[in-house]
Protein backbone atom coordinates (compact mmCIF):
# COMPACT_ATOMS: atom_id res chain seq x y z
CA MET A 1 -0.59 18.81 -0.20
CA TYR A 2 -3.33 18.68 2.30
CA ARG A 3 -3.11 21.40 5.18
CA TYR A 4 -4.58 21.12 8.32
CA ASP A 5 -7.62 23.46 9.21
CA GLU A 6 -8.85 23.97 12.34
CA PHE A 7 -11.36 21.45 12.31
CA ASP A 8 -8.52 18.95 11.93
CA HIS A 9 -6.40 20.28 14.75
CA ASP A 10 -9.23 20.35 17.33
CA VAL A 11 -10.49 16.90 16.66
CA VAL A 12 -6.89 15.53 17.01
CA GLN A 13 -6.27 17.05 20.14
CA SER A 14 -9.68 16.13 21.60
CA ARG A 15 -8.87 12.43 20.55
CA VAL A 16 -5.57 12.55 22.34
CA LYS A 17 -7.17 13.56 25.35
CA GLN A 18 -9.83 11.06 25.05
CA PHE A 19 -7.32 8.08 24.44
CA ARG A 20 -4.78 9.26 27.45
CA GLY A 21 -7.54 9.02 29.95
CA GLN A 22 -8.72 5.66 28.56
CA VAL A 23 -5.23 4.43 28.96
CA LYS A 24 -4.86 5.93 32.67
CA ARG A 25 -8.31 3.99 33.12
CA ARG A 26 -6.97 0.43 31.99
CA LEU A 27 -3.77 0.66 33.65
CA GLU A 28 -5.60 0.98 36.72
CA GLY A 29 -7.49 -1.63 36.06
CA ALA A 30 -11.11 0.04 35.80
CA LEU A 31 -11.38 -1.02 31.79
CA THR A 32 -10.97 -4.49 31.13
CA GLU A 33 -8.86 -5.16 27.99
CA ASP A 34 -12.13 -6.22 26.41
CA GLN A 35 -13.64 -2.93 27.11
CA PHE A 36 -10.50 -1.10 26.24
CA LYS A 37 -10.02 -3.01 22.68
CA PRO A 38 -12.68 -1.13 20.44
CA LEU A 39 -10.94 2.27 22.14
CA ARG A 40 -7.76 1.25 21.09
CA LEU A 41 -8.25 -0.30 18.02
CA GLN A 42 -10.19 3.60 17.07
CA ASN A 43 -6.85 4.82 17.72
CA GLY A 44 -4.53 2.36 15.64
CA LEU A 45 -3.27 0.60 18.53
CA TYR A 46 -3.16 -3.26 18.07
CA LEU A 47 -2.20 -5.97 20.60
CA GLN A 48 0.06 -8.42 18.84
CA LEU A 49 1.90 -11.60 19.38
CA HIS A 50 4.38 -9.99 21.75
CA ALA A 51 3.26 -5.93 22.41
CA TYR A 52 1.42 -3.43 21.32
CA MET A 53 1.76 -2.13 17.84
CA LEU A 54 0.62 1.25 16.60
CA ARG A 55 0.01 1.81 12.93
CA VAL A 56 0.23 5.60 11.74
CA ALA A 57 -2.11 6.86 8.82
CA ILE A 58 -0.16 8.06 5.94
CA PRO A 59 -3.35 9.32 3.51
CA TYR A 60 -2.75 8.58 0.22
CA GLY A 61 0.70 7.78 0.78
CA THR A 62 1.49 11.23 0.81
CA LEU A 63 4.19 12.74 3.70
CA ASN A 64 6.86 15.81 4.14
CA SER A 65 10.15 15.69 5.40
CA ARG A 66 9.49 17.43 8.65
CA GLN A 67 6.82 14.50 9.36
CA MET A 68 9.10 11.64 8.28
CA ARG A 69 11.68 13.50 10.93
CA GLN A 70 8.94 13.59 13.63
CA LEU A 71 8.10 9.49 13.18
CA ALA A 72 12.13 9.14 13.17
CA MET A 73 12.13 10.62 16.69
CA ILE A 74 8.94 9.17 17.94
CA SER A 75 10.52 5.70 16.66
CA GLU A 76 13.72 6.20 18.99
CA LYS A 77 12.25 7.87 21.84
CA TYR A 78 9.54 5.38 22.34
CA ASP A 79 10.50 2.20 19.92
CA ARG A 80 13.07 0.30 18.81
CA GLY A 81 14.19 2.72 16.21
CA TYR A 82 12.57 1.91 13.18
CA GLY A 83 9.28 1.48 11.38
CA HIS A 84 7.70 -0.79 8.67
CA ILE A 85 5.97 0.63 5.67
CA THR A 86 2.77 -1.65 5.46
CA THR A 87 1.06 -2.46 1.95
CA ARG A 88 -1.76 0.27 3.03
CA GLN A 89 0.92 2.81 3.03
CA ASN A 90 1.10 3.20 6.29
CA MET A 91 3.55 2.97 9.03
CA GLN A 92 3.49 0.70 12.06
CA MET A 93 5.50 1.11 15.33
CA ASN A 94 5.86 -2.23 16.46
CA TRP A 95 6.74 -2.48 20.21
CA PRO A 96 5.40 0.74 22.04
CA GLN A 97 4.83 0.61 25.68
CA LEU A 98 1.38 1.54 26.75
CA PRO A 99 1.67 4.01 29.16
CA GLU A 100 3.68 5.87 26.17
CA VAL A 101 0.83 5.65 23.56
CA PRO A 102 -1.03 9.19 24.40
CA ASP A 103 2.59 10.61 24.41
CA MET A 104 3.45 9.67 20.87
CA LEU A 105 -0.31 10.23 19.79
CA GLN A 106 0.51 13.76 21.08
CA GLU A 107 3.64 14.00 19.07
CA LEU A 108 1.95 13.04 16.03
CA ALA A 109 -0.51 15.62 16.23
CA GLU A 110 2.58 18.28 16.51
CA VAL A 111 3.03 17.30 12.44
CA GLU A 112 -0.39 17.04 11.04
CA MET A 113 -0.37 13.25 11.79
CA HIS A 114 -2.82 10.53 13.50
CA CYS A 115 -3.73 7.14 13.68
CA PHE A 116 -7.44 7.29 12.85
CA GLN A 117 -9.06 4.52 10.76
CA THR A 118 -6.11 2.20 10.69
CA SER A 119 -8.22 0.26 12.21
CA GLY A 120 -11.56 -1.34 13.13
CA ASN A 121 -14.46 -1.88 11.00
CA CYS A 122 -14.55 1.27 9.21
CA ILE A 123 -13.04 3.15 5.95
CA ARG A 124 -9.78 2.40 6.23
CA ASN A 125 -6.93 4.75 5.29
CA VAL A 126 -7.56 5.71 1.09
CA THR A 127 -4.62 4.77 -0.63
CA SER A 128 -3.37 5.96 -4.28
CA ASP A 129 -0.90 5.99 -6.67
CA PRO A 130 2.70 7.07 -5.35
CA TYR A 131 3.41 8.87 -8.68
CA ALA A 132 0.37 10.75 -8.29
CA GLY A 133 1.30 14.47 -9.98
CA ALA A 134 4.07 13.20 -11.16
CA THR A 135 3.39 11.21 -14.12
CA ALA A 136 2.46 12.15 -17.45
CA GLU A 137 0.25 9.03 -17.50
CA GLU A 138 -2.55 10.77 -15.12
CA ILE A 139 -5.65 11.96 -16.60
CA GLU A 140 -5.81 13.89 -13.28
CA ASP A 141 -4.24 14.03 -10.04
CA PRO A 142 -5.57 11.42 -8.04
CA ARG A 143 -4.76 12.99 -4.44
CA PRO A 144 -7.60 15.32 -4.35
CA THR A 145 -10.21 12.89 -4.62
CA ALA A 146 -8.33 10.63 -2.28
CA GLU A 147 -8.55 13.70 0.03
CA LEU A 148 -12.05 14.59 -0.40
CA LEU A 149 -12.82 10.90 0.61
CA ARG A 150 -10.52 11.31 3.52
CA GLN A 151 -12.68 14.00 4.96
CA TRP A 152 -15.62 12.72 4.01
CA SER A 153 -14.84 9.30 5.56
CA THR A 154 -13.52 10.24 8.65
CA MET A 155 -15.30 9.44 11.97
CA HIS A 156 -18.56 9.45 9.96
CA PRO A 157 -21.24 8.55 12.39
CA GLU A 158 -22.61 6.29 9.56
CA PHE A 159 -19.73 4.16 8.70
CA ALA A 160 -17.75 3.65 11.87
CA PHE A 161 -19.09 0.33 12.70
CA LEU A 162 -19.49 -1.66 9.02
CA PRO A 163 -20.06 -5.35 9.03
CA ARG A 164 -15.86 -5.35 8.44
CA LYS A 165 -13.17 -3.32 7.55
CA PHE A 166 -13.56 -1.43 3.95
CA LYS A 167 -10.45 -0.45 1.92
CA ILE A 168 -10.97 2.48 -1.06
CA ALA A 169 -7.95 2.93 -3.55
CA VAL A 170 -8.03 5.69 -6.06
CA ILE A 171 -5.65 6.40 -9.52
CA GLY A 172 -5.83 8.98 -11.97
CA ALA A 173 -3.70 6.60 -14.73
CA SER A 174 -4.34 3.59 -16.64
CA THR A 175 -1.61 1.88 -15.03
CA ASP A 176 -2.61 0.98 -11.81
CA ARG A 177 0.04 1.00 -9.47
CA ALA A 178 -2.54 0.94 -6.08
CA VAL A 179 -3.96 -2.48 -6.87
CA ILE A 180 -7.43 -1.33 -7.13
CA LYS A 181 -9.10 -4.20 -8.17
CA ALA A 182 -8.42 -5.47 -4.73
CA HIS A 183 -10.09 -3.28 -2.89
CA ASP A 184 -13.65 -2.80 -1.56
CA ILE A 185 -13.81 -0.10 -3.91
CA GLY A 186 -11.63 0.85 -6.34
CA ILE A 187 -12.00 4.17 -8.06
CA GLU A 188 -9.84 5.37 -11.81
CA ILE A 189 -10.40 8.68 -12.79
CA VAL A 190 -11.29 8.48 -16.53
CA LYS A 191 -12.76 10.55 -19.42
CA ASN A 192 -15.81 9.46 -21.32
CA ASP A 193 -16.61 10.15 -24.83
CA LYS A 194 -17.51 13.32 -24.36
CA GLY A 195 -13.96 14.50 -23.08
CA GLU A 196 -15.86 15.08 -19.18
CA ILE A 197 -13.52 13.41 -16.65
CA GLY A 198 -15.45 11.16 -14.36
CA TYR A 199 -14.82 8.04 -12.30
CA HIS A 200 -14.76 4.38 -13.21
CA ILE A 201 -16.18 2.92 -9.76
CA LEU A 202 -15.33 -1.08 -9.46
CA VAL A 203 -16.64 -2.90 -6.34
CA GLY A 204 -16.32 -6.02 -4.16
CA GLY A 205 -12.22 -7.04 -4.96
CA GLY A 206 -10.69 -8.41 -1.30
CA LEU A 207 -7.72 -10.93 -0.96
CA GLY A 208 -8.02 -12.42 2.60
CA ARG A 209 -9.72 -16.10 2.45
CA THR A 210 -11.75 -15.38 -0.57
CA PRO A 211 -9.64 -13.81 -3.20
CA ILE A 212 -12.01 -11.79 -5.43
CA ILE A 213 -10.96 -9.16 -8.65
CA GLY A 214 -13.43 -6.36 -8.20
CA VAL A 215 -16.11 -5.66 -10.96
CA THR A 216 -17.44 -2.67 -12.49
CA LEU A 217 -20.54 -0.77 -10.70
CA ARG A 218 -20.48 2.02 -12.93
CA GLU A 219 -18.48 2.86 -16.14
CA PHE A 220 -18.48 6.50 -15.87
CA LEU A 221 -19.75 8.84 -12.73
CA PRO A 222 -19.74 12.36 -12.98
CA LYS A 223 -17.13 13.84 -10.47
CA ASP A 224 -20.19 15.73 -8.90
CA GLU A 225 -21.78 12.42 -7.98
CA LEU A 226 -18.82 10.82 -6.41
CA LEU A 227 -19.55 11.26 -2.65
CA PRO A 228 -23.42 10.71 -2.96
CA TYR A 229 -22.75 7.80 -4.82
CA LEU A 230 -20.56 6.54 -2.07
CA GLU A 231 -22.79 7.41 0.04
CA ALA A 232 -25.18 5.07 -1.38
CA VAL A 233 -22.77 1.92 -1.73
CA MET A 234 -21.76 2.16 2.10
CA ARG A 235 -25.30 2.24 3.11
CA VAL A 236 -26.20 -0.51 0.95
CA TYR A 237 -23.15 -2.20 2.32
CA ASN A 238 -23.84 -1.74 5.82
CA ARG A 239 -27.64 -2.32 5.96
CA TYR A 240 -27.06 -6.19 3.89
CA GLY A 241 -23.52 -6.83 4.95
CA ARG A 242 -23.27 -9.87 7.18
CA ARG A 243 -22.76 -9.31 10.71
CA ASP A 244 -23.05 -13.43 11.97
CA ASN A 245 -19.92 -14.30 9.95
CA LYS A 246 -16.65 -12.30 10.07
CA TYR A 247 -15.36 -14.20 7.39
CA LYS A 248 -18.06 -13.27 5.11
CA ALA A 249 -18.76 -9.88 6.32
CA ARG A 250 -16.83 -7.92 3.44
CA ILE A 251 -18.71 -6.14 0.99
CA LYS A 252 -17.07 -8.92 -1.85
CA ILE A 253 -19.26 -11.45 -0.03
CA LEU A 254 -22.55 -9.39 -0.62
CA VAL A 255 -21.76 -8.41 -4.04
CA THR A 256 -21.01 -12.38 -5.33
CA GLU A 257 -24.08 -13.79 -3.22
CA THR A 258 -26.33 -10.87 -4.63
CA GLY A 259 -25.17 -10.39 -7.98
CA ILE A 260 -23.49 -7.35 -9.76
CA ASP A 261 -26.74 -6.54 -11.54
CA ALA A 262 -28.90 -6.79 -8.72
CA PHE A 263 -26.55 -4.99 -6.57
CA ARG A 264 -26.25 -1.96 -8.51
CA GLU A 265 -30.03 -1.63 -8.65
CA ILE A 266 -30.16 -1.56 -4.88
CA VAL A 267 -27.37 0.80 -4.96
CA ALA A 268 -29.33 2.96 -7.82
CA ALA A 269 -32.85 2.85 -5.19
CA GLU A 270 -30.69 3.59 -2.31
CA TYR A 271 -29.22 6.68 -4.09
CA GLU A 272 -32.31 7.99 -5.32
CA THR A 273 -33.63 8.40 -1.29
CA LEU A 274 -31.00 10.86 -1.26
CA GLU A 275 -30.81 14.33 -0.97
CA PRO A 276 -27.37 15.01 -3.19
CA SER A 277 -26.85 18.42 -2.66
CA ASP A 278 -26.31 17.23 1.54
CA ILE A 279 -23.66 15.09 0.41
CA ALA A 280 -21.95 16.97 -2.16
CA VAL A 281 -19.15 19.74 -1.66
CA SER A 282 -19.30 22.98 -3.65
CA ALA A 283 -17.06 23.24 -6.64
CA GLU A 284 -15.18 25.87 -4.38
CA GLU A 285 -14.71 23.18 -1.82
CA VAL A 286 -13.23 21.16 -4.36
CA ALA A 287 -10.87 23.87 -6.11
CA ARG A 288 -9.88 24.43 -2.56
CA ILE A 289 -8.74 21.03 -2.03
CA GLU A 290 -7.01 21.00 -5.34
CA ASN A 291 -5.11 24.05 -4.60
CA TYR A 292 -3.43 21.89 -1.91
CA PHE A 293 -1.67 20.04 -4.83
CA ALA A 294 -0.72 22.21 -7.11
CA SER A 295 2.95 21.20 -8.74
CA PRO A 296 5.66 22.56 -7.32
CA GLN A 297 7.66 25.34 -8.88
CA PHE A 298 9.69 23.11 -11.67
CA GLU A 299 12.49 24.67 -13.33
CA ALA A 300 11.70 25.26 -16.69
CA GLY A 301 13.51 25.04 -19.66
CA LEU A 302 16.13 22.32 -18.38
CA ALA A 303 17.89 20.90 -21.67
CA ALA A 304 18.55 17.23 -21.83
CA SER A 305 20.75 16.03 -18.73
CA LYS A 306 24.68 15.40 -20.16
CA THR A 307 25.53 15.27 -17.10
CA LEU A 308 23.53 12.29 -16.17
CA GLU A 309 24.49 10.06 -18.85
CA LYS A 310 28.25 11.05 -18.54
CA GLN A 311 27.69 9.45 -14.80
CA LYS A 312 25.93 6.52 -15.71
CA ASP A 313 28.96 5.67 -17.90
CA LYS A 314 31.70 6.10 -15.20
CA ASP A 315 29.54 4.14 -12.81
CA ASP A 316 27.78 0.78 -13.74
CA ASN A 317 26.11 0.58 -10.04
CA PHE A 318 24.61 3.94 -10.69
CA LYS A 319 23.58 3.15 -14.47
CA TYR A 320 21.80 0.34 -13.03
CA TRP A 321 20.11 2.09 -9.83
CA VAL A 322 18.71 4.51 -13.26
CA GLU A 323 17.71 1.85 -15.22
CA ASN A 324 15.51 0.25 -12.66
CA ASN A 325 14.61 2.42 -9.66
CA ILE A 326 13.62 5.73 -11.73
CA ALA A 327 10.49 6.62 -13.63
CA ALA A 328 9.58 8.81 -16.33
CA HIS A 329 7.94 12.54 -15.07
CA LYS A 330 5.83 14.89 -16.69
CA GLN A 331 7.90 17.44 -16.51
CA PHE A 332 10.55 17.66 -18.78
CA GLY A 333 14.20 17.35 -16.77
CA TYR A 334 12.64 15.65 -13.78
CA ALA A 335 12.65 12.40 -12.48
CA ILE A 336 10.49 9.79 -10.22
CA VAL A 337 13.15 8.50 -7.71
CA ASN A 338 11.92 4.73 -6.52
CA ILE A 339 13.87 3.97 -3.09
CA SER A 340 13.96 0.15 -2.29
CA LEU A 341 13.31 -1.01 1.44
CA LYS A 342 14.11 -4.59 0.57
CA PRO A 343 18.15 -5.07 1.87
CA LEU A 344 19.03 -8.76 2.64
CA ASN A 345 19.65 -7.76 6.32
CA ARG A 346 15.87 -6.11 7.05
CA ALA A 347 12.60 -7.26 6.93
CA PRO A 348 11.01 -5.80 3.90
CA GLY A 349 9.39 -2.33 4.44
CA ASP A 350 11.32 -1.51 7.65
CA ILE A 351 13.32 1.41 7.64
CA THR A 352 15.57 2.97 10.61
CA ALA A 353 15.14 5.92 12.33
CA ASP A 354 18.94 7.09 10.49
CA GLN A 355 17.73 6.25 7.08
CA MET A 356 14.01 8.03 7.59
CA ARG A 357 16.26 11.29 8.62
CA ALA A 358 18.62 10.44 5.75
CA VAL A 359 15.56 10.33 3.04
CA SER A 360 14.08 13.89 4.67
CA ASN A 361 17.45 15.12 4.03
CA LEU A 362 17.19 14.26 0.29
CA ALA A 363 13.57 15.05 -0.12
CA ASP A 364 14.09 18.63 1.46
CA ASN A 365 17.65 19.27 -1.13
CA TYR A 366 15.70 17.45 -4.07
CA SER A 367 12.45 16.57 -4.32
CA PHE A 368 10.61 19.96 -2.44
CA GLY A 369 10.46 18.40 0.93
CA GLU A 370 8.12 15.33 -0.42
CA ILE A 371 8.19 11.71 0.39
CA ARG A 372 5.48 9.11 -0.32
CA THR A 373 5.06 5.63 0.36
CA THR A 374 4.01 2.84 -1.88
CA HIS A 375 2.04 -0.32 -1.18
CA GLN A 376 4.89 -2.25 -2.09
CA GLN A 377 6.58 -1.49 0.87
CA ASN A 378 9.05 0.97 -0.51
CA LEU A 379 9.28 4.75 -0.70
CA VAL A 380 9.31 7.47 -3.56
CA LEU A 381 10.60 10.96 -4.15
CA PRO A 382 8.52 12.25 -6.68
CA HIS A 383 9.83 15.47 -8.09
CA VAL A 384 14.07 15.09 -8.81
CA LYS A 385 15.97 16.85 -11.20
CA GLN A 386 17.98 14.74 -13.43
CA ASP A 387 21.04 16.63 -12.86
CA ASP A 388 20.34 15.26 -9.18
CA LEU A 389 20.22 11.94 -9.85
CA TYR A 390 23.96 11.23 -8.70
CA ASP A 391 23.83 13.37 -5.66
CA VAL A 392 20.53 11.55 -4.54
CA TYR A 393 22.05 8.02 -5.35
CA GLN A 394 25.18 8.62 -3.19
CA GLY A 395 23.18 9.95 -0.59
CA LEU A 396 20.79 6.42 -0.73
CA VAL A 397 24.22 4.83 -1.08
CA LYS A 398 25.36 6.29 2.48
CA ALA A 399 22.11 5.60 3.80
CA LYS A 400 22.10 1.98 2.89
CA LEU A 401 18.84 2.75 0.58
CA ALA A 402 20.68 2.46 -3.01
CA GLU A 403 19.53 -1.39 -3.88
CA ALA A 404 18.70 -1.37 -7.65
CA ASN A 405 16.18 -3.91 -7.29
CA ILE A 406 12.30 -2.08 -7.50
CA GLY A 407 10.08 -4.61 -9.47
CA LEU A 408 12.64 -7.30 -9.25
CA ILE A 409 12.77 -10.69 -7.56
CA SER A 410 14.27 -9.77 -4.72
CA ASP A 411 11.50 -6.76 -4.28
CA ILE A 412 9.20 -8.79 -2.23
CA ILE A 413 6.18 -8.02 -0.80
CA CYS A 414 6.07 -9.64 2.88
CA CYS A 415 3.88 -9.34 5.85
CA PRO A 416 5.49 -9.32 9.53
CA GLY A 417 4.13 -13.13 10.18
CA MET A 418 4.68 -14.94 13.20
CA ASP A 419 7.93 -12.90 14.18
CA TYR A 420 4.73 -10.16 15.70
CA CYS A 421 1.76 -10.75 14.37
CA ALA A 422 -0.77 -12.92 16.68
CA LEU A 423 -3.08 -14.08 13.61
CA ALA A 424 -0.04 -15.34 11.96
CA THR A 425 0.31 -19.26 11.03
CA ALA A 426 3.95 -19.21 10.05
CA ARG A 427 6.86 -17.04 9.44
CA SER A 428 7.34 -14.85 6.48
CA ILE A 429 10.14 -12.73 7.24
CA PRO A 430 12.92 -15.50 6.88
CA VAL A 431 11.18 -16.87 3.64
CA SER A 432 11.39 -13.37 2.07
CA GLN A 433 15.17 -13.01 3.31
CA ALA A 434 16.11 -16.74 1.89
CA ILE A 435 14.77 -15.91 -1.28
CA ALA A 436 16.58 -12.63 -1.77
CA GLU A 437 19.61 -14.24 -0.63
CA ARG A 438 19.64 -16.95 -2.80
CA PHE A 439 18.78 -14.33 -5.87
CA LYS A 440 21.12 -11.76 -4.36
CA ASP A 441 23.21 -11.22 -7.62
CA PRO A 442 22.36 -7.99 -8.97
CA ALA A 443 22.99 -8.91 -12.64
CA ARG A 444 20.83 -12.14 -12.21
CA GLN A 445 18.01 -10.44 -11.10
CA ARG A 446 18.18 -7.99 -14.33
CA ALA A 447 18.62 -11.23 -16.40
CA ILE A 448 15.26 -12.66 -14.37
CA GLY A 449 13.77 -8.59 -15.26
CA GLU A 450 10.32 -7.86 -13.43
CA MET A 451 8.83 -10.59 -11.53
CA SER A 452 6.54 -10.21 -7.81
CA ILE A 453 6.88 -12.44 -5.07
CA LYS A 454 4.45 -11.71 -2.46
CA ILE A 455 4.54 -13.51 1.00
CA SER A 456 1.47 -13.82 3.77
CA GLY A 457 2.23 -15.33 6.97
CA CYS A 458 -1.63 -16.35 7.25
CA ILE A 459 -4.94 -16.60 5.18
CA ASN A 460 -5.66 -12.89 5.68
CA ALA A 461 -3.18 -12.38 2.82
CA CYS A 462 -1.73 -9.11 4.27
CA GLY A 463 1.24 -9.77 2.04
CA HIS A 464 -0.78 -9.92 -0.99
CA HIS A 465 0.16 -13.33 -1.69
CA HIS A 466 -3.23 -13.91 -4.01
CA VAL A 467 -1.60 -11.35 -6.79
CA GLY A 468 1.88 -12.22 -7.05
CA ASN A 469 3.17 -13.67 -10.12
CA ILE A 470 4.50 -15.78 -7.08
CA GLY A 471 2.70 -16.05 -4.12
CA ILE A 472 3.49 -17.64 -1.04
CA LEU A 473 1.38 -18.40 1.98
CA GLY A 474 2.51 -19.87 5.34
CA LEU A 475 0.43 -22.18 7.22
CA GLU A 476 0.86 -24.81 10.05
CA LYS A 477 -0.01 -28.16 10.84
CA ALA A 478 0.82 -30.24 14.03
CA GLY A 479 3.41 -27.38 15.07
CA VAL A 480 5.16 -27.40 11.61
CA GLU A 481 5.27 -24.47 9.18
CA PHE A 482 4.97 -25.35 5.33
CA TYR A 483 4.37 -22.78 2.50
CA GLN A 484 1.84 -22.96 -0.04
CA VAL A 485 2.55 -21.48 -3.50
CA LYS A 486 0.56 -20.07 -5.88
CA LEU A 487 1.33 -18.77 -9.70
CA GLY A 488 0.17 -16.42 -12.41
CA GLY A 489 -1.50 -13.80 -9.75
CA ASP A 490 -0.98 -9.98 -11.07
CA ALA A 491 -1.35 -6.65 -9.11
CA SER A 492 -1.49 -4.46 -12.23
CA GLU A 493 -4.26 -3.12 -14.52
CA ASN A 494 -4.89 -6.71 -15.50
CA ALA A 495 -5.20 -7.92 -11.84
CA ALA A 496 -5.45 -11.73 -11.48
CA ILE A 497 -5.56 -14.27 -8.65
CA GLY A 498 -3.17 -16.75 -8.84
CA GLN A 499 -3.40 -20.61 -8.92
CA VAL A 500 -2.78 -23.02 -6.19
CA THR A 501 -0.11 -25.38 -7.49
CA GLY A 502 -0.60 -28.07 -4.59
CA PRO A 503 0.96 -29.31 -1.40
CA GLY A 504 3.22 -27.34 0.70
CA PHE A 505 6.77 -26.92 0.92
CA SER A 506 9.77 -26.39 3.91
CA GLN A 507 11.27 -23.20 3.67
CA ASP A 508 14.58 -24.97 2.09
CA GLU A 509 12.11 -26.95 -0.24
CA LEU A 510 10.51 -23.63 -1.23
CA VAL A 511 13.61 -21.75 -2.42
CA ASP A 512 14.75 -24.77 -4.21
CA GLY A 513 11.52 -24.75 -6.19
CA ILE A 514 11.57 -21.12 -6.77
CA GLU A 515 15.04 -21.34 -8.08
CA ARG A 516 14.00 -24.60 -10.39
CA MET A 517 10.66 -22.42 -11.68
CA VAL A 518 13.36 -19.03 -12.41
CA ASP A 519 15.50 -21.35 -14.49
CA PHE A 520 12.44 -22.65 -16.47
CA TYR A 521 11.20 -19.15 -17.04
CA LEU A 522 14.46 -18.03 -18.45
CA ALA A 523 15.24 -21.41 -20.76
CA SER A 524 11.52 -20.99 -22.19
CA LYS A 525 10.97 -17.46 -22.19
CA THR A 526 10.83 -15.54 -26.15
CA ASP A 527 12.47 -11.89 -26.12
CA GLY A 528 10.94 -9.54 -23.89
CA GLU A 529 8.76 -11.96 -22.17
CA LYS A 530 8.26 -11.02 -18.23
CA PHE A 531 8.08 -14.14 -16.33
CA ILE A 532 3.67 -13.20 -15.96
CA ASP A 533 4.04 -13.36 -20.10
CA THR A 534 5.65 -16.49 -20.23
CA PHE A 535 3.16 -17.81 -17.35
CA LYS A 536 0.30 -17.04 -19.26
CA ARG A 537 1.45 -18.48 -22.90
CA ILE A 538 2.44 -21.68 -21.52
CA GLY A 539 0.02 -22.28 -18.31
CA ILE A 540 1.03 -23.60 -15.04
CA ALA A 541 1.55 -27.15 -15.98
CA PRO A 542 4.94 -26.66 -16.37
CA PHE A 543 5.73 -24.80 -14.29
CA LYS A 544 4.10 -26.84 -11.57
CA GLU A 545 6.24 -29.92 -12.40
CA VAL A 546 9.21 -28.14 -12.46
CA LEU A 547 8.42 -26.66 -8.94
CA TYR A 548 7.81 -30.41 -7.43
CA ASP A 549 10.96 -32.07 -9.39
CA ASN A 550 12.32 -33.10 -6.28
CA ALA A 551 9.24 -33.40 -4.21
């Protein structure tokens, strides 16, 4: 994974020193909150409903055990002993005290972490596939490309004050585990007919109050043109993106209003004005970055794990965990371990300091010290020997992280909602917990199978509700919270925006309605059909009828 160089170290230390002075001036009254706001946002510090919140960057969701232990320490020393994994693969601390934030940034810098570009109208943290470098599906590991984009975009002077925030995601496989079609720019590593590796570039995706699926900007972009081409895209957006209305400022609005063909021509014309050699990096620099992401020293010659099968036969809970939370690895004898952060008694995505340390220990002992965060608000240990899976499972059981529900109905994406966020119009965490409680029986979850529920506490859609098989939007009217339902959304490579069903529900009515729809699905599906497959086959009408049966 990426290692800091002298430039990174100097920039981070300089930023910490600058912000320490800015905080001091704010506390002394030399800066008003309005004057302080753009300064704190450049350091990932938000002012939420009850307190400040610090968002820590985890570039492309990759971190090591030392960094996770530091996050655990920081959460105990400066916060309330836990962190929250976001849908952009970052970690949030929800209760920092302003005078201590510079110390938090210094502690992060000691393990090569920071909060750059986790807020503000800039290019945000680049996200990627949590299975990167571990899955055999890949054409190429997407992390070197994501790192190249990180270095290019970090404090880029021309893109520090864009019309609106800008999000990029990169994948290297046809299976999309990063929702690239819901990003301002989505990048898929592909091969053309000549066998050359390049990029399929998507543009204009995004959720929020105007959900749009991204469209193809370039079918195939040669690798060495990536940075110059994206520079052209960003210049066009910076020039023509609307600044008079923040609700229409994202690039998706510009692309929609311009039309993709005309937008493509404008970008091509801008590209012609550039000198690509001034922007592109050398082959040597690309190789240097790629070397940081070389595969670990896997044990060669492993035979099929007989131990694993015996352990599954002896322990049904372990068997179900393996069947549901383990993904195939590119190296024979290894596995990808998904760790659920969706227990019944905590907010989705929350992880305690003790749990962070437990995951760090498991990563050191069984996964080359590597940990990944996911946009589904879970964790991944990317490189675990199959013979070690039972030991990992037992460690997760001890840490209360062994829920076997990855991709099932209780693996809910959920924003913090009105429990934390000043923008929220309704609570979302209690709703996710009520749904998980209703469907807590493991056998029932397995019978339902793969199904995504996503919940947002406001129209900004931080919970990705537009692309949930069942999407839930919390709203408020006359002081009363209610919940609108969407059906048929899809966050996969077959991305789709869900359809609104109709009037909203109270929380109790909502959970009952979801249960009726699930029961209807189980009675209606054919062999092997997932919820989304049945929905596509029979349409929204019968589901809507069942949902509103008692309304």
